[in-house]
Every structure is written in structure tokens, then in C-alpha cells.
Amino acid sequence: MRPKQILVVDDTPDIVHFLVVRLRSEGFDTITAFNGFDGLEIVKREKPDLVILDVMMPQLNGFQVCRKMKEDEELKDIPVIFLTAKDQPSDKFWGEEVGAAAYLTKPVDPRVVAQKVHELMGTETAARQ
């Protein structure tokens, strides 16, 4: 059985690196994109098991990417976690409105991200702290 695959989409390379390192240490395969357009194209092609999306990105923002995924029969069941600096109640409302499974705000403890991923994937957390 192949490891679960997670797509990380964020326009900040340091955030992408931090997430990839943590997720790989938890046993997941990762793929990355640095803008919403490329992220959506990768989702369509690879159909990952879960997507972690920033909201504020060039070309397509995270809300637009998530909305397009949820409108697509082949992609609508892929869980989406927003990981963003946008922390206003209206931002969280729109995250729910477009179909995200979770909304986490930056800065975030990497253990919290890993825990949420495991929860949504139905997998067990690694014994790392």
C-alpha cells in the first residue's frame, strides 16, 4: 500500500519546506506548488489524498482553488486544510463556505498540522514531538 500523498500549496518556500519536512517525518508522500493555478493543475493530475492550501497566493487564491475542487466530481471528496495568516471570522466563514475540512492560522505548531492531517486521513500520528 502506497503512503498517503499530500499536496502543499503555498507561495512562501519556507512554509512549504517546513510542511514537507514535517509531513514526510509522519510517513506521508508530498508534492508541492507555489501558486493556486499550479496547485489546481496538480490536484487534477495527481489526485492527492489531501491538500494543504494557503489563502493568499498569486493567480488563484486558496478559496478559488478549493471552490473549483469542490465543484469537480473527481476532486470534491479530497479534504482541504487551509493554512493561512488570514484569521478574521469572515475568513474562517469563507473557508467553511467553500468546503474546507479545516482552517488553521499561521503561525502554527507543526504538531498541530500533523495531528489535523492524521485526523482527516484516518491514520495514526508518528511518535515525534
N, C-alpha and C. Protein backbone atom coordinates (compact mmCIF):
# COMPACT_ATOMS: atom_id res chain seq x y z
N MET A 1 0.84 -1.18 0.00
CA MET A 1 0.00 0.00 0.00
C MET A 1 0.89 1.25 0.00
N ARG A 2 0.60 2.18 -0.89
CA ARG A 2 1.41 3.38 -1.00
C ARG A 2 1.11 4.35 0.13
N PRO A 3 2.11 5.14 0.53
CA PRO A 3 1.85 6.16 1.55
C PRO A 3 0.83 7.17 1.02
N LYS A 4 0.07 7.75 1.91
CA LYS A 4 -0.89 8.79 1.53
C LYS A 4 -0.11 9.99 0.99
N GLN A 5 -0.67 10.62 -0.03
CA GLN A 5 0.00 11.73 -0.69
C GLN A 5 -0.70 13.05 -0.35
N ILE A 6 0.10 14.04 0.01
CA ILE A 6 -0.43 15.35 0.37
C ILE A 6 0.18 16.40 -0.54
N LEU A 7 -0.67 17.25 -1.08
CA LEU A 7 -0.23 18.39 -1.88
C LEU A 7 -0.19 19.61 -0.97
N VAL A 8 0.96 20.27 -0.92
CA VAL A 8 1.14 21.51 -0.15
C VAL A 8 1.22 22.66 -1.15
N VAL A 9 0.33 23.64 -1.03
CA VAL A 9 0.29 24.78 -1.94
C VAL A 9 0.43 26.06 -1.12
N ASP A 10 1.57 26.73 -1.27
CA ASP A 10 1.84 27.98 -0.56
C ASP A 10 2.89 28.74 -1.34
N ASP A 11 2.76 30.05 -1.39
CA ASP A 11 3.72 30.85 -2.17
C ASP A 11 4.96 31.24 -1.36
N THR A 12 5.07 30.75 -0.14
CA THR A 12 6.24 31.02 0.69
C THR A 12 7.08 29.75 0.79
N PRO A 13 8.25 29.71 0.13
CA PRO A 13 9.06 28.49 0.11
C PRO A 13 9.42 27.96 1.49
N ASP A 14 9.66 28.83 2.47
CA ASP A 14 10.00 28.35 3.81
C ASP A 14 8.84 27.59 4.45
N ILE A 15 7.63 28.05 4.22
CA ILE A 15 6.45 27.35 4.76
C ILE A 15 6.31 25.99 4.09
N VAL A 16 6.47 25.97 2.78
CA VAL A 16 6.38 24.69 2.04
C VAL A 16 7.43 23.72 2.58
N HIS A 17 8.65 24.18 2.74
CA HIS A 17 9.72 23.32 3.23
C HIS A 17 9.39 22.78 4.63
N PHE A 18 8.97 23.66 5.52
CA PHE A 18 8.62 23.27 6.89
C PHE A 18 7.52 22.21 6.89
N LEU A 19 6.51 22.38 6.05
CA LEU A 19 5.42 21.40 5.98
C LEU A 19 5.88 20.08 5.38
N VAL A 20 6.65 20.15 4.32
CA VAL A 20 7.14 18.93 3.66
C VAL A 20 7.98 18.10 4.62
N VAL A 21 8.91 18.75 5.33
CA VAL A 21 9.76 18.02 6.28
C VAL A 21 8.91 17.35 7.35
N ARG A 22 7.95 18.08 7.90
CA ARG A 22 7.11 17.50 8.96
C ARG A 22 6.25 16.35 8.43
N LEU A 23 5.62 16.56 7.30
CA LEU A 23 4.73 15.54 6.75
C LEU A 23 5.49 14.28 6.35
N ARG A 24 6.67 14.44 5.78
CA ARG A 24 7.47 13.27 5.43
C ARG A 24 7.91 12.52 6.68
N SER A 25 8.21 13.25 7.76
CA SER A 25 8.59 12.58 9.02
C SER A 25 7.40 11.81 9.61
N GLU A 26 6.21 12.17 9.19
CA GLU A 26 5.00 11.48 9.64
C GLU A 26 4.61 10.34 8.71
N GLY A 27 5.41 10.10 7.65
CA GLY A 27 5.16 8.97 6.77
C GLY A 27 4.35 9.27 5.53
N PHE A 28 4.11 10.54 5.23
CA PHE A 28 3.35 10.90 4.04
C PHE A 28 4.27 11.23 2.88
N ASP A 29 3.80 10.98 1.66
CA ASP A 29 4.45 11.50 0.46
C ASP A 29 3.93 12.92 0.26
N THR A 30 4.77 13.79 -0.28
CA THR A 30 4.34 15.16 -0.51
C THR A 30 4.66 15.60 -1.93
N ILE A 31 3.83 16.46 -2.44
CA ILE A 31 4.08 17.17 -3.67
C ILE A 31 3.77 18.64 -3.38
N THR A 32 4.35 19.54 -4.16
CA THR A 32 4.23 20.95 -3.83
C THR A 32 3.89 21.81 -5.03
N ALA A 33 3.31 22.96 -4.73
CA ALA A 33 3.06 24.00 -5.72
C ALA A 33 3.19 25.34 -4.99
N PHE A 34 3.52 26.38 -5.76
CA PHE A 34 3.77 27.69 -5.15
C PHE A 34 2.77 28.75 -5.58
N ASN A 35 1.72 28.36 -6.27
CA ASN A 35 0.62 29.28 -6.57
C ASN A 35 -0.64 28.46 -6.80
N GLY A 36 -1.78 29.12 -6.74
CA GLY A 36 -3.05 28.43 -6.84
C GLY A 36 -3.29 27.76 -8.18
N PHE A 37 -2.87 28.39 -9.27
CA PHE A 37 -3.08 27.80 -10.59
C PHE A 37 -2.35 26.46 -10.70
N ASP A 38 -1.05 26.47 -10.36
CA ASP A 38 -0.28 25.22 -10.43
C ASP A 38 -0.84 24.18 -9.46
N GLY A 39 -1.25 24.63 -8.29
CA GLY A 39 -1.83 23.71 -7.31
C GLY A 39 -3.06 23.00 -7.86
N LEU A 40 -3.94 23.75 -8.50
CA LEU A 40 -5.15 23.16 -9.07
C LEU A 40 -4.81 22.19 -10.19
N GLU A 41 -3.85 22.53 -11.02
CA GLU A 41 -3.43 21.63 -12.09
C GLU A 41 -2.87 20.32 -11.52
N ILE A 42 -2.09 20.42 -10.45
CA ILE A 42 -1.53 19.22 -9.82
C ILE A 42 -2.62 18.37 -9.19
N VAL A 43 -3.59 19.01 -8.55
CA VAL A 43 -4.71 18.26 -7.97
C VAL A 43 -5.43 17.47 -9.06
N LYS A 44 -5.69 18.11 -10.17
CA LYS A 44 -6.39 17.43 -11.27
C LYS A 44 -5.59 16.24 -11.79
N ARG A 45 -4.28 16.42 -11.89
CA ARG A 45 -3.42 15.37 -12.46
C ARG A 45 -3.12 14.25 -11.47
N GLU A 46 -2.77 14.61 -10.25
CA GLU A 46 -2.28 13.62 -9.26
C GLU A 46 -3.37 13.07 -8.34
N LYS A 47 -4.43 13.82 -8.14
CA LYS A 47 -5.50 13.44 -7.21
C LYS A 47 -4.93 12.98 -5.85
N PRO A 48 -4.27 13.91 -5.14
CA PRO A 48 -3.68 13.56 -3.84
C PRO A 48 -4.77 13.19 -2.83
N ASP A 49 -4.34 12.63 -1.72
CA ASP A 49 -5.28 12.22 -0.68
C ASP A 49 -5.76 13.40 0.17
N LEU A 50 -4.98 14.49 0.18
CA LEU A 50 -5.32 15.67 0.98
C LEU A 50 -4.55 16.85 0.40
N VAL A 51 -5.12 18.07 0.55
CA VAL A 51 -4.46 19.29 0.09
C VAL A 51 -4.37 20.28 1.24
N ILE A 52 -3.19 20.86 1.42
CA ILE A 52 -2.99 21.96 2.36
C ILE A 52 -2.80 23.21 1.52
N LEU A 53 -3.68 24.21 1.73
CA LEU A 53 -3.70 25.41 0.90
C LEU A 53 -3.50 26.68 1.72
N ASP A 54 -2.66 27.56 1.22
CA ASP A 54 -2.62 28.93 1.71
C ASP A 54 -3.82 29.65 1.07
N VAL A 55 -4.24 30.75 1.64
CA VAL A 55 -5.33 31.52 1.04
C VAL A 55 -4.77 32.57 0.09
N MET A 56 -3.83 33.36 0.57
CA MET A 56 -3.31 34.48 -0.22
C MET A 56 -2.15 34.01 -1.10
N MET A 57 -2.47 33.78 -2.39
CA MET A 57 -1.47 33.30 -3.35
C MET A 57 -1.71 33.97 -4.69
N PRO A 58 -0.67 34.01 -5.53
CA PRO A 58 -0.85 34.57 -6.87
C PRO A 58 -1.68 33.66 -7.77
N GLN A 59 -2.23 34.27 -8.79
CA GLN A 59 -3.00 33.63 -9.86
C GLN A 59 -4.38 33.18 -9.38
N LEU A 60 -4.47 32.17 -8.58
CA LEU A 60 -5.74 31.77 -7.95
C LEU A 60 -5.50 31.75 -6.45
N ASN A 61 -6.41 32.33 -5.67
CA ASN A 61 -6.22 32.23 -4.22
C ASN A 61 -6.76 30.88 -3.72
N GLY A 62 -6.47 30.57 -2.47
CA GLY A 62 -6.87 29.27 -1.93
C GLY A 62 -8.36 29.04 -1.94
N PHE A 63 -9.16 30.09 -1.67
CA PHE A 63 -10.61 29.94 -1.71
C PHE A 63 -11.06 29.53 -3.11
N GLN A 64 -10.48 30.13 -4.14
CA GLN A 64 -10.85 29.80 -5.52
C GLN A 64 -10.45 28.36 -5.86
N VAL A 65 -9.27 27.96 -5.43
CA VAL A 65 -8.82 26.59 -5.69
C VAL A 65 -9.77 25.59 -5.02
N CYS A 66 -10.07 25.82 -3.77
CA CYS A 66 -10.95 24.91 -3.03
C CYS A 66 -12.33 24.85 -3.68
N ARG A 67 -12.88 26.01 -4.05
CA ARG A 67 -14.19 26.04 -4.68
C ARG A 67 -14.19 25.23 -5.98
N LYS A 68 -13.16 25.39 -6.79
CA LYS A 68 -13.08 24.65 -8.05
C LYS A 68 -12.95 23.14 -7.79
N MET A 69 -12.21 22.77 -6.75
CA MET A 69 -12.10 21.35 -6.40
C MET A 69 -13.46 20.78 -6.01
N LYS A 70 -14.19 21.51 -5.18
CA LYS A 70 -15.47 21.01 -4.67
C LYS A 70 -16.55 20.97 -5.75
N GLU A 71 -16.36 21.71 -6.84
CA GLU A 71 -17.30 21.69 -7.96
C GLU A 71 -17.00 20.55 -8.94
N ASP A 72 -15.85 19.91 -8.79
CA ASP A 72 -15.41 18.86 -9.71
C ASP A 72 -15.71 17.49 -9.10
N GLU A 73 -16.49 16.69 -9.80
CA GLU A 73 -16.88 15.36 -9.28
C GLU A 73 -15.69 14.50 -8.90
N GLU A 74 -14.59 14.59 -9.64
CA GLU A 74 -13.42 13.75 -9.37
C GLU A 74 -12.58 14.26 -8.19
N LEU A 75 -12.76 15.50 -7.81
CA LEU A 75 -11.92 16.11 -6.78
C LEU A 75 -12.67 16.48 -5.51
N LYS A 76 -13.97 16.48 -5.54
CA LYS A 76 -14.76 17.05 -4.44
C LYS A 76 -14.57 16.36 -3.10
N ASP A 77 -14.17 15.11 -3.09
CA ASP A 77 -14.01 14.40 -1.82
C ASP A 77 -12.61 14.48 -1.24
N ILE A 78 -11.70 15.19 -1.90
CA ILE A 78 -10.34 15.37 -1.36
C ILE A 78 -10.41 16.42 -0.26
N PRO A 79 -10.03 16.06 0.96
CA PRO A 79 -10.08 17.04 2.05
C PRO A 79 -9.07 18.17 1.84
N VAL A 80 -9.49 19.37 2.24
CA VAL A 80 -8.65 20.56 2.13
C VAL A 80 -8.46 21.17 3.52
N ILE A 81 -7.21 21.45 3.85
CA ILE A 81 -6.88 22.20 5.06
C ILE A 81 -6.35 23.56 4.62
N PHE A 82 -6.98 24.63 5.08
CA PHE A 82 -6.41 25.95 4.86
C PHE A 82 -5.39 26.21 5.96
N LEU A 83 -4.23 26.68 5.56
CA LEU A 83 -3.18 27.10 6.50
C LEU A 83 -2.78 28.50 6.06
N THR A 84 -3.23 29.51 6.82
CA THR A 84 -3.15 30.88 6.35
C THR A 84 -2.96 31.87 7.49
N ALA A 85 -2.48 33.04 7.14
CA ALA A 85 -2.37 34.13 8.11
C ALA A 85 -3.70 34.86 8.27
N LYS A 86 -4.65 34.62 7.40
CA LYS A 86 -5.95 35.29 7.46
C LYS A 86 -6.77 34.67 8.60
N ASP A 87 -6.94 35.46 9.67
CA ASP A 87 -7.56 34.89 10.87
C ASP A 87 -8.83 35.59 11.33
N GLN A 88 -9.44 36.36 10.45
CA GLN A 88 -10.69 37.03 10.79
C GLN A 88 -11.86 36.04 10.72
N PRO A 89 -12.90 36.26 11.51
CA PRO A 89 -14.06 35.36 11.44
C PRO A 89 -14.62 35.24 10.02
N SER A 90 -14.60 36.32 9.25
CA SER A 90 -15.12 36.24 7.88
C SER A 90 -14.26 35.32 7.01
N ASP A 91 -12.94 35.30 7.27
CA ASP A 91 -12.06 34.40 6.51
C ASP A 91 -12.40 32.95 6.83
N LYS A 92 -12.58 32.66 8.10
CA LYS A 92 -12.92 31.29 8.51
C LYS A 92 -14.28 30.89 7.95
N PHE A 93 -15.21 31.85 7.92
CA PHE A 93 -16.52 31.59 7.33
C PHE A 93 -16.37 31.17 5.87
N TRP A 94 -15.57 31.92 5.09
CA TRP A 94 -15.40 31.60 3.68
C TRP A 94 -14.66 30.29 3.50
N GLY A 95 -13.76 29.96 4.41
CA GLY A 95 -13.11 28.66 4.35
C GLY A 95 -14.12 27.52 4.45
N GLU A 96 -15.04 27.65 5.39
CA GLU A 96 -16.10 26.65 5.53
C GLU A 96 -17.02 26.67 4.32
N GLU A 97 -17.36 27.87 3.88
CA GLU A 97 -18.31 28.04 2.77
C GLU A 97 -17.82 27.36 1.49
N VAL A 98 -16.52 27.39 1.23
CA VAL A 98 -16.01 26.77 0.00
C VAL A 98 -15.70 25.28 0.19
N GLY A 99 -15.85 24.77 1.41
CA GLY A 99 -15.77 23.33 1.60
C GLY A 99 -14.52 22.79 2.28
N ALA A 100 -13.75 23.64 2.95
CA ALA A 100 -12.55 23.15 3.63
C ALA A 100 -12.92 22.27 4.81
N ALA A 101 -12.11 21.26 5.04
CA ALA A 101 -12.30 20.36 6.18
C ALA A 101 -11.73 20.97 7.47
N ALA A 102 -10.75 21.89 7.33
CA ALA A 102 -10.13 22.51 8.49
C ALA A 102 -9.55 23.86 8.10
N TYR A 103 -9.41 24.73 9.09
CA TYR A 103 -8.87 26.08 8.87
C TYR A 103 -7.90 26.36 10.00
N LEU A 104 -6.62 26.38 9.69
CA LEU A 104 -5.57 26.64 10.68
C LEU A 104 -4.90 27.97 10.34
N THR A 105 -4.52 28.72 11.38
CA THR A 105 -3.90 30.02 11.13
C THR A 105 -2.42 30.00 11.50
N LYS A 106 -1.64 30.73 10.69
CA LYS A 106 -0.21 30.89 10.91
C LYS A 106 0.00 31.99 11.94
N PRO A 107 1.05 31.89 12.72
CA PRO A 107 1.97 30.76 12.81
C PRO A 107 1.29 29.58 13.51
N VAL A 108 1.72 28.39 13.16
CA VAL A 108 1.11 27.18 13.70
C VAL A 108 2.20 26.21 14.11
N ASP A 109 1.95 25.50 15.17
CA ASP A 109 2.86 24.46 15.64
C ASP A 109 2.79 23.30 14.63
N PRO A 110 3.94 22.81 14.17
CA PRO A 110 3.92 21.71 13.19
C PRO A 110 3.20 20.47 13.70
N ARG A 111 3.19 20.28 15.02
CA ARG A 111 2.47 19.12 15.58
C ARG A 111 0.97 19.25 15.36
N VAL A 112 0.46 20.48 15.39
CA VAL A 112 -0.96 20.72 15.18
C VAL A 112 -1.34 20.37 13.74
N VAL A 113 -0.50 20.77 12.79
CA VAL A 113 -0.75 20.44 11.39
C VAL A 113 -0.75 18.93 11.21
N ALA A 114 0.28 18.27 11.75
CA ALA A 114 0.38 16.80 11.62
C ALA A 114 -0.82 16.11 12.25
N GLN A 115 -1.23 16.58 13.41
CA GLN A 115 -2.38 15.98 14.09
C GLN A 115 -3.65 16.12 13.24
N LYS A 116 -3.87 17.30 12.65
CA LYS A 116 -5.06 17.52 11.83
C LYS A 116 -5.02 16.65 10.57
N VAL A 117 -3.84 16.54 9.95
CA VAL A 117 -3.69 15.69 8.77
C VAL A 117 -4.03 14.25 9.12
N HIS A 118 -3.45 13.74 10.20
CA HIS A 118 -3.73 12.36 10.61
C HIS A 118 -5.22 12.17 10.91
N GLU A 119 -5.81 13.14 11.55
CA GLU A 119 -7.24 13.05 11.87
C GLU A 119 -8.07 12.93 10.59
N LEU A 120 -7.78 13.77 9.61
CA LEU A 120 -8.55 13.75 8.37
C LEU A 120 -8.24 12.54 7.50
N MET A 121 -7.04 12.00 7.62
CA MET A 121 -6.63 10.86 6.81
C MET A 121 -6.98 9.53 7.48
N GLY A 122 -7.33 9.57 8.74
CA GLY A 122 -7.63 8.34 9.45
C GLY A 122 -6.40 7.51 9.71
N THR A 123 -5.26 8.18 9.92
CA THR A 123 -4.00 7.50 10.18
C THR A 123 -3.53 7.82 11.58
N GLU A 124 -2.55 7.08 12.05
CA GLU A 124 -2.01 7.31 13.38
C GLU A 124 -0.82 8.25 13.31
N THR A 125 -0.70 9.09 14.33
CA THR A 125 0.42 10.03 14.37
C THR A 125 1.70 9.29 14.70
N ALA A 126 2.79 9.81 14.15
CA ALA A 126 4.11 9.27 14.48
C ALA A 126 4.45 9.71 15.90
N ALA A 127 5.35 9.02 16.52
CA ALA A 127 5.71 9.32 17.92
C ALA A 127 6.78 10.40 17.97
N ARG A 128 6.57 11.49 17.24
CA ARG A 128 7.52 12.60 17.24
C ARG A 128 6.93 13.80 17.93
N GLN A 129 7.73 14.51 18.62
CA GLN A 129 7.26 15.72 19.29
C GLN A 129 8.07 16.91 18.89
